Amino acid sequence: MNLTISGHHLEVTAAIREYVQNKLERVTRHFDQVIDIAVILTVDNLKEKEKRQKAEINLRMSGKTVYVESLSQDLYAAIDTLIDKLDRQVMKYKDKVQNHGHDAIKHLPDSYESAAAL
């Protein structure tokens, strides 16, 4: 897995890098087929002070690319909500992939067919 953390109008310190890596461990623990992750942290000069910090992520998996972004007043809060959103999308994709290969009714034993008919 390749991890790229970059900052726009922001210097990515070692503390921020470590914080993002620790948070991303939760996502990779749930789904280990991640190819690469690109995290972009941005500080915007908006008039509203409450939405200045922006965190976005592109996560490439086998078969899908997930893009998530989060805005907040605090960069660490933006990263937290970003990881929560990303975790929900990755779990949804994982469930979809796992449930896709369910057994067809014609391949089930006869006892299951008679129980399904009732």
PDB file of N, CA and C in Angstrom:
ATOM      1  N   MET A   1       0.835  -1.163   0.000  1.00  0.00           N
ATOM      2  CA  MET A   1       0.000   0.000   0.000  1.00  0.00           C
ATOM      3  C   MET A   1       0.892   1.242   0.000  1.00  0.00           C
ATOM      4  N   ASN A   2       0.600   2.134  -0.919  1.00  0.00           N
ATOM      5  CA  ASN A   2       1.312   3.401  -1.002  1.00  0.00           C
ATOM      6  C   ASN A   2       0.476   4.479  -0.332  1.00  0.00           C
ATOM      7  N   LEU A   3       1.100   5.257   0.526  1.00  0.00           N
ATOM      8  CA  LEU A   3       0.416   6.335   1.226  1.00  0.00           C
ATOM      9  C   LEU A   3       1.100   7.650   0.900  1.00  0.00           C
ATOM     10  N   THR A   4       0.319   8.618   0.382  1.00  0.00           N
ATOM     11  CA  THR A   4       0.825   9.940   0.065  1.00  0.00           C
ATOM     12  C   THR A   4       0.020  10.961   0.858  1.00  0.00           C
ATOM     13  N   ILE A   5       0.696  11.763   1.656  1.00  0.00           N
ATOM     14  CA  ILE A   5       0.043  12.814   2.424  1.00  0.00           C
ATOM     15  C   ILE A   5       0.647  14.133   1.980  1.00  0.00           C
ATOM     16  N   SER A   6      -0.190  15.018   1.437  1.00  0.00           N
ATOM     17  CA  SER A   6       0.316  16.306   0.977  1.00  0.00           C
ATOM     18  C   SER A   6      -0.550  17.421   1.542  1.00  0.00           C
ATOM     19  N   GLY A   7       0.009  18.612   1.569  1.00  0.00           N
ATOM     20  CA  GLY A   7      -0.699  19.764   2.103  1.00  0.00           C
ATOM     21  C   GLY A   7      -0.693  20.914   1.127  1.00  0.00           C
ATOM     22  N   HIS A   8      -1.825  21.594   1.000  1.00  0.00           N
ATOM     23  CA  HIS A   8      -1.930  22.795   0.185  1.00  0.00           C
ATOM     24  C   HIS A   8      -2.105  23.971   1.131  1.00  0.00           C
ATOM     25  N   HIS A   9      -1.201  24.936   1.049  1.00  0.00           N
ATOM     26  CA  HIS A   9      -1.168  26.091   1.942  1.00  0.00           C
ATOM     27  C   HIS A   9      -1.009  25.644   3.391  1.00  0.00           C
ATOM     28  N   LEU A  10      -0.331  24.526   3.579  1.00  0.00           N
ATOM     29  CA  LEU A  10      -0.184  23.941   4.903  1.00  0.00           C
ATOM     30  C   LEU A  10       1.062  23.066   4.906  1.00  0.00           C
ATOM     31  N   GLU A  11       1.848  23.163   5.937  1.00  0.00           N
ATOM     32  CA  GLU A  11       3.005  22.287   6.091  1.00  0.00           C
ATOM     33  C   GLU A  11       2.565  21.044   6.858  1.00  0.00           C
ATOM     34  N   VAL A  12       2.806  19.883   6.274  1.00  0.00           N
ATOM     35  CA  VAL A  12       2.429  18.622   6.915  1.00  0.00           C
ATOM     36  C   VAL A  12       3.537  18.254   7.901  1.00  0.00           C
ATOM     37  N   THR A  13       3.246  18.400   9.171  1.00  0.00           N
ATOM     38  CA  THR A  13       4.225  18.102  10.213  1.00  0.00           C
ATOM     39  C   THR A  13       4.235  16.611  10.507  1.00  0.00           C
ATOM     40  N   ALA A  14       5.216  16.191  11.262  1.00  0.00           N
ATOM     41  CA  ALA A  14       5.319  14.779  11.637  1.00  0.00           C
ATOM     42  C   ALA A  14       4.134  14.354  12.496  1.00  0.00           C
ATOM     43  N   ALA A  15       3.632  15.247  13.340  1.00  0.00           N
ATOM     44  CA  ALA A  15       2.485  14.919  14.190  1.00  0.00           C
ATOM     45  C   ALA A  15       1.224  14.694  13.354  1.00  0.00           C
ATOM     46  N   ILE A  16       1.006  15.545  12.361  1.00  0.00           N
ATOM     47  CA  ILE A  16      -0.159  15.372  11.486  1.00  0.00           C
ATOM     48  C   ILE A  16      -0.024  14.091  10.683  1.00  0.00           C
ATOM     49  N   ARG A  17       1.166  13.820  10.159  1.00  0.00           N
ATOM     50  CA  ARG A  17       1.400  12.605   9.371  1.00  0.00           C
ATOM     51  C   ARG A  17       1.144  11.360  10.217  1.00  0.00           C
ATOM     52  N   GLU A  18       1.643  11.358  11.433  1.00  0.00           N
ATOM     53  CA  GLU A  18       1.439  10.205  12.322  1.00  0.00           C
ATOM     54  C   GLU A  18      -0.036  10.047  12.693  1.00  0.00           C
ATOM     55  N   TYR A  19      -0.729  11.154  12.914  1.00  0.00           N
ATOM     56  CA  TYR A  19      -2.151  11.114  13.250  1.00  0.00           C
ATOM     57  C   TYR A  19      -2.962  10.491  12.113  1.00  0.00           C
ATOM     58  N   VAL A  20      -2.671  10.901  10.880  1.00  0.00           N
ATOM     59  CA  VAL A  20      -3.378  10.358   9.718  1.00  0.00           C
ATOM     60  C   VAL A  20      -3.069   8.873   9.557  1.00  0.00           C
ATOM     61  N   GLN A  21      -1.816   8.486   9.719  1.00  0.00           N
ATOM     62  CA  GLN A  21      -1.442   7.079   9.587  1.00  0.00           C
ATOM     63  C   GLN A  21      -2.122   6.224  10.642  1.00  0.00           C
ATOM     64  N   ASN A  22      -2.199   6.701  11.882  1.00  0.00           N
ATOM     65  CA  ASN A  22      -2.873   5.944  12.942  1.00  0.00           C
ATOM     66  C   ASN A  22      -4.357   5.796  12.647  1.00  0.00           C
ATOM     67  N   LYS A  23      -4.981   6.834  12.127  1.00  0.00           N
ATOM     68  CA  LYS A  23      -6.409   6.767  11.799  1.00  0.00           C
ATOM     69  C   LYS A  23      -6.663   5.836  10.616  1.00  0.00           C
ATOM     70  N   LEU A  24      -5.752   5.824   9.653  1.00  0.00           N
ATOM     71  CA  LEU A  24      -5.941   4.969   8.477  1.00  0.00           C
ATOM     72  C   LEU A  24      -5.755   3.487   8.792  1.00  0.00           C
ATOM     73  N   GLU A  25      -5.117   3.169   9.907  1.00  0.00           N
ATOM     74  CA  GLU A  25      -4.976   1.767  10.299  1.00  0.00           C
ATOM     75  C   GLU A  25      -6.333   1.120  10.509  1.00  0.00           C
ATOM     76  N   ARG A  26      -7.311   1.898  10.976  1.00  0.00           N
ATOM     77  CA  ARG A  26      -8.661   1.367  11.177  1.00  0.00           C
ATOM     78  C   ARG A  26      -9.274   0.918   9.856  1.00  0.00           C
ATOM     79  N   VAL A  27      -9.077   1.703   8.807  1.00  0.00           N
ATOM     80  CA  VAL A  27      -9.638   1.374   7.499  1.00  0.00           C
ATOM     81  C   VAL A  27      -8.938   0.152   6.911  1.00  0.00           C
ATOM     82  N   THR A  28      -7.616   0.121   7.003  1.00  0.00           N
ATOM     83  CA  THR A  28      -6.876  -1.017   6.441  1.00  0.00           C
ATOM     84  C   THR A  28      -7.080  -2.281   7.263  1.00  0.00           C
ATOM     85  N   ARG A  29      -7.467  -2.149   8.515  1.00  0.00           N
ATOM     86  CA  ARG A  29      -7.769  -3.320   9.334  1.00  0.00           C
ATOM     87  C   ARG A  29      -9.078  -3.964   8.859  1.00  0.00           C
ATOM     88  N   HIS A  30     -10.038  -3.132   8.416  1.00  0.00           N
ATOM     89  CA  HIS A  30     -11.314  -3.655   7.944  1.00  0.00           C
ATOM     90  C   HIS A  30     -11.221  -4.222   6.534  1.00  0.00           C
ATOM     91  N   PHE A  31     -10.383  -3.641   5.705  1.00  0.00           N
ATOM     92  CA  PHE A  31     -10.292  -4.065   4.308  1.00  0.00           C
ATOM     93  C   PHE A  31      -8.836  -3.945   3.882  1.00  0.00           C
ATOM     94  N   ASP A  32      -8.203  -5.073   3.610  1.00  0.00           N
ATOM     95  CA  ASP A  32      -6.759  -5.060   3.375  1.00  0.00           C
ATOM     96  C   ASP A  32      -6.359  -5.028   1.903  1.00  0.00           C
ATOM     97  N   GLN A  33      -7.310  -4.920   0.976  1.00  0.00           N
ATOM     98  CA  GLN A  33      -6.979  -4.925  -0.449  1.00  0.00           C
ATOM     99  C   GLN A  33      -6.846  -3.508  -0.995  1.00  0.00           C
ATOM    100  N   VAL A  34      -6.215  -2.640  -0.242  1.00  0.00           N
ATOM    101  CA  VAL A  34      -6.015  -1.245  -0.634  1.00  0.00           C
ATOM    102  C   VAL A  34      -4.728  -1.148  -1.443  1.00  0.00           C
ATOM    103  N   ILE A  35      -4.810  -0.506  -2.599  1.00  0.00           N
ATOM    104  CA  ILE A  35      -3.637  -0.356  -3.463  1.00  0.00           C
ATOM    105  C   ILE A  35      -2.849   0.893  -3.070  1.00  0.00           C
ATOM    106  N   ASP A  36      -3.516   2.045  -3.086  1.00  0.00           N
ATOM    107  CA  ASP A  36      -2.835   3.259  -2.634  1.00  0.00           C
ATOM    108  C   ASP A  36      -3.838   4.270  -2.082  1.00  0.00           C
ATOM    109  N   ILE A  37      -3.301   5.163  -1.257  1.00  0.00           N
ATOM    110  CA  ILE A  37      -4.097   6.182  -0.585  1.00  0.00           C
ATOM    111  C   ILE A  37      -3.406   7.528  -0.800  1.00  0.00           C
ATOM    112  N   ALA A  38      -4.184   8.524  -1.226  1.00  0.00           N
ATOM    113  CA  ALA A  38      -3.669   9.884  -1.381  1.00  0.00           C
ATOM    114  C   ALA A  38      -4.501  10.810  -0.498  1.00  0.00           C
ATOM    115  N   VAL A  39      -3.855  11.432   0.484  1.00  0.00           N
ATOM    116  CA  VAL A  39      -4.522  12.338   1.420  1.00  0.00           C
ATOM    117  C   VAL A  39      -4.053  13.754   1.108  1.00  0.00           C
ATOM    118  N   ILE A  40      -5.013  14.674   0.965  1.00  0.00           N
ATOM    119  CA  ILE A  40      -4.690  16.076   0.702  1.00  0.00           C
ATOM    120  C   ILE A  40      -5.320  16.913   1.813  1.00  0.00           C
ATOM    121  N   LEU A  41      -4.479  17.649   2.514  1.00  0.00           N
ATOM    122  CA  LEU A  41      -4.932  18.528   3.593  1.00  0.00           C
ATOM    123  C   LEU A  41      -4.786  19.965   3.113  1.00  0.00           C
ATOM    124  N   THR A  42      -5.861  20.770   3.266  1.00  0.00           N
ATOM    125  CA  THR A  42      -5.887  22.111   2.700  1.00  0.00           C
ATOM    126  C   THR A  42      -6.397  23.112   3.727  1.00  0.00           C
ATOM    127  N   VAL A  43      -5.823  24.297   3.696  1.00  0.00           N
ATOM    128  CA  VAL A  43      -6.348  25.421   4.458  1.00  0.00           C
ATOM    129  C   VAL A  43      -6.838  26.441   3.436  1.00  0.00           C
ATOM    130  N   ASP A  44      -8.149  26.726   3.458  1.00  0.00           N
ATOM    131  CA  ASP A  44      -8.740  27.687   2.527  1.00  0.00           C
ATOM    132  C   ASP A  44      -8.906  29.034   3.214  1.00  0.00           C
ATOM    133  N   ASN A  45      -8.801  30.086   2.456  1.00  0.00           N
ATOM    134  CA  ASN A  45      -9.019  31.432   2.985  1.00  0.00           C
ATOM    135  C   ASN A  45     -10.459  31.842   2.693  1.00  0.00           C
ATOM    136  N   LEU A  46     -11.388  31.186   3.354  1.00  0.00           N
ATOM    137  CA  LEU A  46     -12.792  31.501   3.176  1.00  0.00           C
ATOM    138  C   LEU A  46     -13.214  32.565   4.183  1.00  0.00           C
ATOM    139  N   LYS A  47     -14.295  33.245   3.873  1.00  0.00           N
ATOM    140  CA  LYS A  47     -14.804  34.258   4.793  1.00  0.00           C
ATOM    141  C   LYS A  47     -15.368  33.603   6.050  1.00  0.00           C
ATOM    142  N   GLU A  48     -15.996  32.430   5.894  1.00  0.00           N
ATOM    143  CA  GLU A  48     -16.515  31.725   7.069  1.00  0.00           C
ATOM    144  C   GLU A  48     -15.358  31.024   7.760  1.00  0.00           C
ATOM    145  N   LYS A  49     -15.142  31.325   9.002  1.00  0.00           N
ATOM    146  CA  LYS A  49     -14.035  30.731   9.747  1.00  0.00           C
ATOM    147  C   LYS A  49     -14.314  29.286  10.128  1.00  0.00           C
ATOM    148  N   GLU A  50     -15.589  28.873  10.134  1.00  0.00           N
ATOM    149  CA  GLU A  50     -15.900  27.542  10.638  1.00  0.00           C
ATOM    150  C   GLU A  50     -15.572  26.428   9.645  1.00  0.00           C
ATOM    151  N   LYS A  51     -15.367  26.752   8.391  1.00  0.00           N
ATOM    152  CA  LYS A  51     -15.112  25.705   7.396  1.00  0.00           C
ATOM    153  C   LYS A  51     -13.801  25.938   6.650  1.00  0.00           C
ATOM    154  N   ARG A  52     -12.751  26.295   7.349  1.00  0.00           N
ATOM    155  CA  ARG A  52     -11.492  26.618   6.680  1.00  0.00           C
ATOM    156  C   ARG A  52     -10.627  25.401   6.413  1.00  0.00           C
ATOM    157  N   GLN A  53     -10.648  24.414   7.277  1.00  0.00           N
ATOM    158  CA  GLN A  53      -9.772  23.254   7.153  1.00  0.00           C
ATOM    159  C   GLN A  53     -10.473  22.184   6.318  1.00  0.00           C
ATOM    160  N   LYS A  54      -9.783  21.667   5.325  1.00  0.00           N
ATOM    161  CA  LYS A  54     -10.371  20.675   4.425  1.00  0.00           C
ATOM    162  C   LYS A  54      -9.428  19.485   4.326  1.00  0.00           C
ATOM    163  N   ALA A  55     -10.007  18.301   4.447  1.00  0.00           N
ATOM    164  CA  ALA A  55      -9.244  17.064   4.276  1.00  0.00           C
ATOM    165  C   ALA A  55      -9.949  16.228   3.223  1.00  0.00           C
ATOM    166  N   GLU A  56      -9.197  15.716   2.273  1.00  0.00           N
ATOM    167  CA  GLU A  56      -9.769  14.859   1.245  1.00  0.00           C
ATOM    168  C   GLU A  56      -8.876  13.657   1.041  1.00  0.00           C
ATOM    169  N   ILE A  57      -9.488  12.580   0.556  1.00  0.00           N
ATOM    170  CA  ILE A  57      -8.744  11.337   0.386  1.00  0.00           C
ATOM    171  C   ILE A  57      -9.237  10.620  -0.861  1.00  0.00           C
ATOM    172  N   ASN A  58      -8.303  10.062  -1.591  1.00  0.00           N
ATOM    173  CA  ASN A  58      -8.577   9.151  -2.706  1.00  0.00           C
ATOM    174  C   ASN A  58      -8.007   7.798  -2.316  1.00  0.00           C
ATOM    175  N   LEU A  59      -8.856   6.803  -2.231  1.00  0.00           N
ATOM    176  CA  LEU A  59      -8.434   5.469  -1.835  1.00  0.00           C
ATOM    177  C   LEU A  59      -8.722   4.528  -2.993  1.00  0.00           C
ATOM    178  N   ARG A  60      -7.668   3.940  -3.550  1.00  0.00           N
ATOM    179  CA  ARG A  60      -7.841   2.992  -4.649  1.00  0.00           C
ATOM    180  C   ARG A  60      -7.794   1.577  -4.106  1.00  0.00           C
ATOM    181  N   MET A  61      -8.843   0.822  -4.410  1.00  0.00           N
ATOM    182  CA  MET A  61      -8.909  -0.590  -4.044  1.00  0.00           C
ATOM    183  C   MET A  61      -9.010  -1.386  -5.327  1.00  0.00           C
ATOM    184  N   SER A  62      -8.941  -2.695  -5.195  1.00  0.00           N
ATOM    185  CA  SER A  62      -9.111  -3.517  -6.380  1.00  0.00           C
ATOM    186  C   SER A  62     -10.565  -3.413  -6.826  1.00  0.00           C
ATOM    187  N   GLY A  63     -10.786  -2.757  -7.952  1.00  0.00           N
ATOM    188  CA  GLY A  63     -12.120  -2.652  -8.506  1.00  0.00           C
ATOM    189  C   GLY A  63     -12.852  -1.363  -8.218  1.00  0.00           C
ATOM    190  N   LYS A  64     -12.332  -0.491  -7.383  1.00  0.00           N
ATOM    191  CA  LYS A  64     -13.065   0.719  -7.033  1.00  0.00           C
ATOM    192  C   LYS A  64     -12.119   1.797  -6.516  1.00  0.00           C
ATOM    193  N   THR A  65     -12.490   3.051  -6.776  1.00  0.00           N
ATOM    194  CA  THR A  65     -11.809   4.205  -6.208  1.00  0.00           C
ATOM    195  C   THR A  65     -12.814   4.968  -5.360  1.00  0.00           C
ATOM    196  N   VAL A  66     -12.449   5.251  -4.118  1.00  0.00           N
ATOM    197  CA  VAL A  66     -13.332   5.959  -3.196  1.00  0.00           C
ATOM    198  C   VAL A  66     -12.749   7.347  -2.956  1.00  0.00           C
ATOM    199  N   TYR A  67     -13.599   8.375  -3.121  1.00  0.00           N
ATOM    200  CA  TYR A  67     -13.202   9.759  -2.851  1.00  0.00           C
ATOM    201  C   TYR A  67     -14.086  10.293  -1.733  1.00  0.00           C
ATOM    202  N   VAL A  68     -13.452  10.866  -0.708  1.00  0.00           N
ATOM    203  CA  VAL A  68     -14.176  11.432   0.433  1.00  0.00           C
ATOM    204  C   VAL A  68     -13.522  12.761   0.786  1.00  0.00           C
ATOM    205  N   GLU A  69     -14.351  13.742   1.177  1.00  0.00           N
ATOM    206  CA  GLU A  69     -13.802  15.017   1.658  1.00  0.00           C
ATOM    207  C   GLU A  69     -14.574  15.471   2.892  1.00  0.00           C
ATOM    208  N   SER A  70     -13.901  16.284   3.695  1.00  0.00           N
ATOM    209  CA  SER A  70     -14.487  16.754   4.935  1.00  0.00           C
ATOM    210  C   SER A  70     -13.996  18.174   5.205  1.00  0.00           C
ATOM    211  N   LEU A  71     -14.908  19.022   5.693  1.00  0.00           N
ATOM    212  CA  LEU A  71     -14.587  20.397   6.042  1.00  0.00           C
ATOM    213  C   LEU A  71     -14.864  20.622   7.521  1.00  0.00           C
ATOM    214  N   SER A  72     -13.986  21.370   8.174  1.00  0.00           N
ATOM    215  CA  SER A  72     -14.187  21.663   9.595  1.00  0.00           C
ATOM    216  C   SER A  72     -13.356  22.877   9.977  1.00  0.00           C
ATOM    217  N   GLN A  73     -13.584  23.349  11.190  1.00  0.00           N
ATOM    218  CA  GLN A  73     -12.797  24.470  11.711  1.00  0.00           C
ATOM    219  C   GLN A  73     -11.425  24.002  12.169  1.00  0.00           C
ATOM    220  N   ASP A  74     -11.351  22.773  12.671  1.00  0.00           N
ATOM    221  CA  ASP A  74     -10.113  22.196  13.173  1.00  0.00           C
ATOM    222  C   ASP A  74      -9.648  21.101  12.216  1.00  0.00           C
ATOM    223  N   LEU A  75      -8.372  21.065  11.912  1.00  0.00           N
ATOM    224  CA  LEU A  75      -7.845  20.073  10.975  1.00  0.00           C
ATOM    225  C   LEU A  75      -7.992  18.657  11.505  1.00  0.00           C
ATOM    226  N   TYR A  76      -7.759  18.472  12.797  1.00  0.00           N
ATOM    227  CA  TYR A  76      -7.877  17.132  13.380  1.00  0.00           C
ATOM    228  C   TYR A  76      -9.336  16.661  13.363  1.00  0.00           C
ATOM    229  N   ALA A  77     -10.276  17.560  13.567  1.00  0.00           N
ATOM    230  CA  ALA A  77     -11.697  17.205  13.476  1.00  0.00           C
ATOM    231  C   ALA A  77     -12.069  16.853  12.038  1.00  0.00           C
ATOM    232  N   ALA A  78     -11.501  17.568  11.079  1.00  0.00           N
ATOM    233  CA  ALA A  78     -11.754  17.261   9.670  1.00  0.00           C
ATOM    234  C   ALA A  78     -11.211  15.877   9.325  1.00  0.00           C
ATOM    235  N   ILE A  79     -10.041  15.539   9.853  1.00  0.00           N
ATOM    236  CA  ILE A  79      -9.463  14.216   9.606  1.00  0.00           C
ATOM    237  C   ILE A  79     -10.324  13.129  10.246  1.00  0.00           C
ATOM    238  N   ASP A  80     -10.828  13.378  11.458  1.00  0.00           N
ATOM    239  CA  ASP A  80     -11.680  12.400  12.136  1.00  0.00           C
ATOM    240  C   ASP A  80     -12.958  12.119  11.341  1.00  0.00           C
ATOM    241  N   THR A  81     -13.638  13.171  10.898  1.00  0.00           N
ATOM    242  CA  THR A  81     -14.866  12.955  10.130  1.00  0.00           C
ATOM    243  C   THR A  81     -14.560  12.332   8.778  1.00  0.00           C
ATOM    244  N   LEU A  82     -13.418  12.667   8.204  1.00  0.00           N
ATOM    245  CA  LEU A  82     -13.003  12.065   6.941  1.00  0.00           C
ATOM    246  C   LEU A  82     -12.823  10.563   7.092  1.00  0.00           C
ATOM    247  N   ILE A  83     -12.157  10.137   8.148  1.00  0.00           N
ATOM    248  CA  ILE A  83     -11.907   8.717   8.364  1.00  0.00           C
ATOM    249  C   ILE A  83     -13.218   7.984   8.660  1.00  0.00           C
ATOM    250  N   ASP A  84     -14.131   8.628   9.393  1.00  0.00           N
ATOM    251  CA  ASP A  84     -15.432   8.009   9.654  1.00  0.00           C
ATOM    252  C   ASP A  84     -16.207   7.777   8.360  1.00  0.00           C
ATOM    253  N   LYS A  85     -16.235   8.783   7.496  1.00  0.00           N
ATOM    254  CA  LYS A  85     -16.919   8.646   6.205  1.00  0.00           C
ATOM    255  C   LYS A  85     -16.261   7.568   5.356  1.00  0.00           C
ATOM    256  N   LEU A  86     -14.941   7.577   5.327  1.00  0.00           N
ATOM    257  CA  LEU A  86     -14.208   6.603   4.529  1.00  0.00           C
ATOM    258  C   LEU A  86     -14.443   5.188   5.042  1.00  0.00           C
ATOM    259  N   ASP A  87     -14.445   5.018   6.348  1.00  0.00           N
ATOM    260  CA  ASP A  87     -14.661   3.701   6.940  1.00  0.00           C
ATOM    261  C   ASP A  87     -16.048   3.167   6.575  1.00  0.00           C
ATOM    262  N   ARG A  88     -17.062   4.031   6.611  1.00  0.00           N
ATOM    263  CA  ARG A  88     -18.403   3.597   6.235  1.00  0.00           C
ATOM    264  C   ARG A  88     -18.455   3.163   4.779  1.00  0.00           C
ATOM    265  N   GLN A  89     -17.801   3.905   3.891  1.00  0.00           N
ATOM    266  CA  GLN A  89     -17.831   3.551   2.473  1.00  0.00           C
ATOM    267  C   GLN A  89     -17.056   2.269   2.204  1.00  0.00           C
ATOM    268  N   VAL A  90     -15.931   2.085   2.883  1.00  0.00           N
ATOM    269  CA  VAL A  90     -15.134   0.871   2.686  1.00  0.00           C
ATOM    270  C   VAL A  90     -15.887  -0.349   3.206  1.00  0.00           C
ATOM    271  N   MET A  91     -16.543  -0.227   4.361  1.00  0.00           N
ATOM    272  CA  MET A  91     -17.328  -1.352   4.897  1.00  0.00           C
ATOM    273  C   MET A  91     -18.498  -1.676   3.980  1.00  0.00           C
ATOM    274  N   LYS A  92     -19.129  -0.676   3.407  1.00  0.00           N
ATOM    275  CA  LYS A  92     -20.233  -0.885   2.470  1.00  0.00           C
ATOM    276  C   LYS A  92     -19.735  -1.637   1.233  1.00  0.00           C
ATOM    277  N   TYR A  93     -18.578  -1.234   0.715  1.00  0.00           N
ATOM    278  CA  TYR A  93     -18.007  -1.907  -0.445  1.00  0.00           C
ATOM    279  C   TYR A  93     -17.611  -3.342  -0.108  1.00  0.00           C
ATOM    280  N   LYS A  94     -17.053  -3.543   1.074  1.00  0.00           N
ATOM    281  CA  LYS A  94     -16.641  -4.883   1.495  1.00  0.00           C
ATOM    282  C   LYS A  94     -17.849  -5.807   1.606  1.00  0.00           C
ATOM    283  N   ASP A  95     -18.945  -5.331   2.203  1.00  0.00           N
ATOM    284  CA  ASP A  95     -20.160  -6.128   2.297  1.00  0.00           C
ATOM    285  C   ASP A  95     -20.720  -6.449   0.922  1.00  0.00           C
ATOM    286  N   LYS A  96     -20.657  -5.490   0.029  1.00  0.00           N
ATOM    287  CA  LYS A  96     -21.167  -5.691  -1.322  1.00  0.00           C
ATOM    288  C   LYS A  96     -20.358  -6.762  -2.059  1.00  0.00           C
ATOM    289  N   VAL A  97     -19.046  -6.717  -1.893  1.00  0.00           N
ATOM    290  CA  VAL A  97     -18.178  -7.700  -2.552  1.00  0.00           C
ATOM    291  C   VAL A  97     -18.390  -9.092  -1.955  1.00  0.00           C
ATOM    292  N   GLN A  98     -18.519  -9.182  -0.639  1.00  0.00           N
ATOM    293  CA  GLN A  98     -18.678 -10.478   0.008  1.00  0.00           C
ATOM    294  C   GLN A  98     -20.043 -11.088  -0.268  1.00  0.00           C
ATOM    295  N   ASN A  99     -21.106 -10.289  -0.311  1.00  0.00           N
ATOM    296  CA  ASN A  99     -22.446 -10.810  -0.529  1.00  0.00           C
ATOM    297  C   ASN A  99     -22.735 -11.082  -1.987  1.00  0.00           C
ATOM    298  N   HIS A 100     -21.888 -10.649  -2.873  1.00  0.00           N
ATOM    299  CA  HIS A 100     -22.118 -10.836  -4.302  1.00  0.00           C
ATOM    300  C   HIS A 100     -22.012 -12.307  -4.694  1.00  0.00           C
ATOM    301  N   GLY A 101     -21.176 -13.064  -4.027  1.00  0.00           N
ATOM    302  CA  GLY A 101     -20.955 -14.460  -4.389  1.00  0.00           C
ATOM    303  C   GLY A 101     -21.819 -15.425  -3.610  1.00  0.00           C
ATOM    304  N   HIS A 102     -23.047 -15.058  -3.257  1.00  0.00           N
ATOM    305  CA  HIS A 102     -23.905 -15.966  -2.495  1.00  0.00           C
ATOM    306  C   HIS A 102     -24.327 -17.151  -3.356  1.00  0.00           C
ATOM    307  N   ASP A 103     -24.728 -18.241  -2.702  1.00  0.00           N
ATOM    308  CA  ASP A 103     -25.108 -19.456  -3.407  1.00  0.00           C
ATOM    309  C   ASP A 103     -26.477 -19.290  -4.054  1.00  0.00           C
ATOM    310  N   ALA A 104     -26.610 -19.815  -5.268  1.00  0.00           N
ATOM    311  CA  ALA A 104     -27.887 -19.797  -5.961  1.00  0.00           C
ATOM    312  C   ALA A 104     -28.791 -20.878  -5.377  1.00  0.00           C
ATOM    313  N   ILE A 105     -30.085 -20.697  -5.522  1.00  0.00           N
ATOM    314  CA  ILE A 105     -31.042 -21.659  -4.963  1.00  0.00           C
ATOM    315  C   ILE A 105     -30.890 -23.023  -5.617  1.00  0.00           C
ATOM    316  N   LYS A 106     -30.566 -23.069  -6.903  1.00  0.00           N
ATOM    317  CA  LYS A 106     -30.457 -24.358  -7.588  1.00  0.00           C
ATOM    318  C   LYS A 106     -29.245 -25.171  -7.119  1.00  0.00           C
ATOM    319  N   HIS A 107     -28.291 -24.532  -6.430  1.00  0.00           N
ATOM    320  CA  HIS A 107     -27.123 -25.248  -5.939  1.00  0.00           C
ATOM    321  C   HIS A 107     -27.228 -25.642  -4.468  1.00  0.00           C
ATOM    322  N   LEU A 108     -28.320 -25.272  -3.810  1.00  0.00           N
ATOM    323  CA  LEU A 108     -28.508 -25.630  -2.410  1.00  0.00           C
ATOM    324  C   LEU A 108     -29.027 -27.056  -2.298  1.00  0.00           C
ATOM    325  N   PRO A 109     -28.758 -27.759  -1.191  1.00  0.00           N
ATOM    326  CA  PRO A 109     -29.302 -29.107  -0.998  1.00  0.00           C
ATOM    327  C   PRO A 109     -30.830 -29.077  -0.958  1.00  0.00           C
ATOM    328  N   ASP A 110     -31.451 -30.259  -1.144  1.00  0.00           N
ATOM    329  CA  ASP A 110     -32.904 -30.364  -1.215  1.00  0.00           C
ATOM    330  C   ASP A 110     -33.588 -29.927   0.071  1.00  0.00           C
ATOM    331  N   SER A 111     -32.961 -30.129   1.217  1.00  0.00           N
ATOM    332  CA  SER A 111     -33.590 -29.753   2.486  1.00  0.00           C
ATOM    333  C   SER A 111     -33.808 -28.244   2.570  1.00  0.00           C
ATOM    334  N   TYR A 112     -32.892 -27.463   1.989  1.00  0.00           N
ATOM    335  CA  TYR A 112     -33.055 -26.021   1.994  1.00  0.00           C
ATOM    336  C   TYR A 112     -34.178 -25.583   1.044  1.00  0.00           C
ATOM    337  N   GLU A 113     -34.305 -26.266  -0.095  1.00  0.00           N
ATOM    338  CA  GLU A 113     -35.330 -25.920  -1.050  1.00  0.00           C
ATOM    339  C   GLU A 113     -36.720 -26.169  -0.489  1.00  0.00           C
ATOM    340  N   SER A 114     -36.901 -27.296   0.213  1.00  0.00           N
ATOM    341  CA  SER A 114     -38.223 -27.599   0.765  1.00  0.00           C
ATOM    342  C   SER A 114     -38.554 -26.621   1.906  1.00  0.00           C
ATOM    343  N   ALA A 115     -37.549 -26.192   2.670  1.00  0.00           N
ATOM    344  CA  ALA A 115     -37.789 -25.225   3.743  1.00  0.00           C
ATOM    345  C   ALA A 115     -38.091 -23.850   3.165  1.00  0.00           C
ATOM    346  N   ALA A 116     -37.495 -23.506   2.035  1.00  0.00           N
ATOM    347  CA  ALA A 116     -37.736 -22.215   1.405  1.00  0.00           C
ATOM    348  C   ALA A 116     -39.115 -22.168   0.769  1.00  0.00           C
ATOM    349  N   ALA A 117     -39.637 -23.303   0.350  1.00  0.00           N
ATOM    350  CA  ALA A 117     -40.947 -23.357  -0.285  1.00  0.00           C
ATOM    351  C   ALA A 117     -42.065 -23.161   0.723  1.00  0.00           C
ATOM    352  N   LEU A 118     -41.828 -23.432   1.986  1.00  0.00           N
ATOM    353  CA  LEU A 118     -42.870 -23.281   3.006  1.00  0.00           C
ATOM    354  C   LEU A 118     -43.073 -21.875   3.311  1.00  0.00           C
TER     355      LEU A 118
END
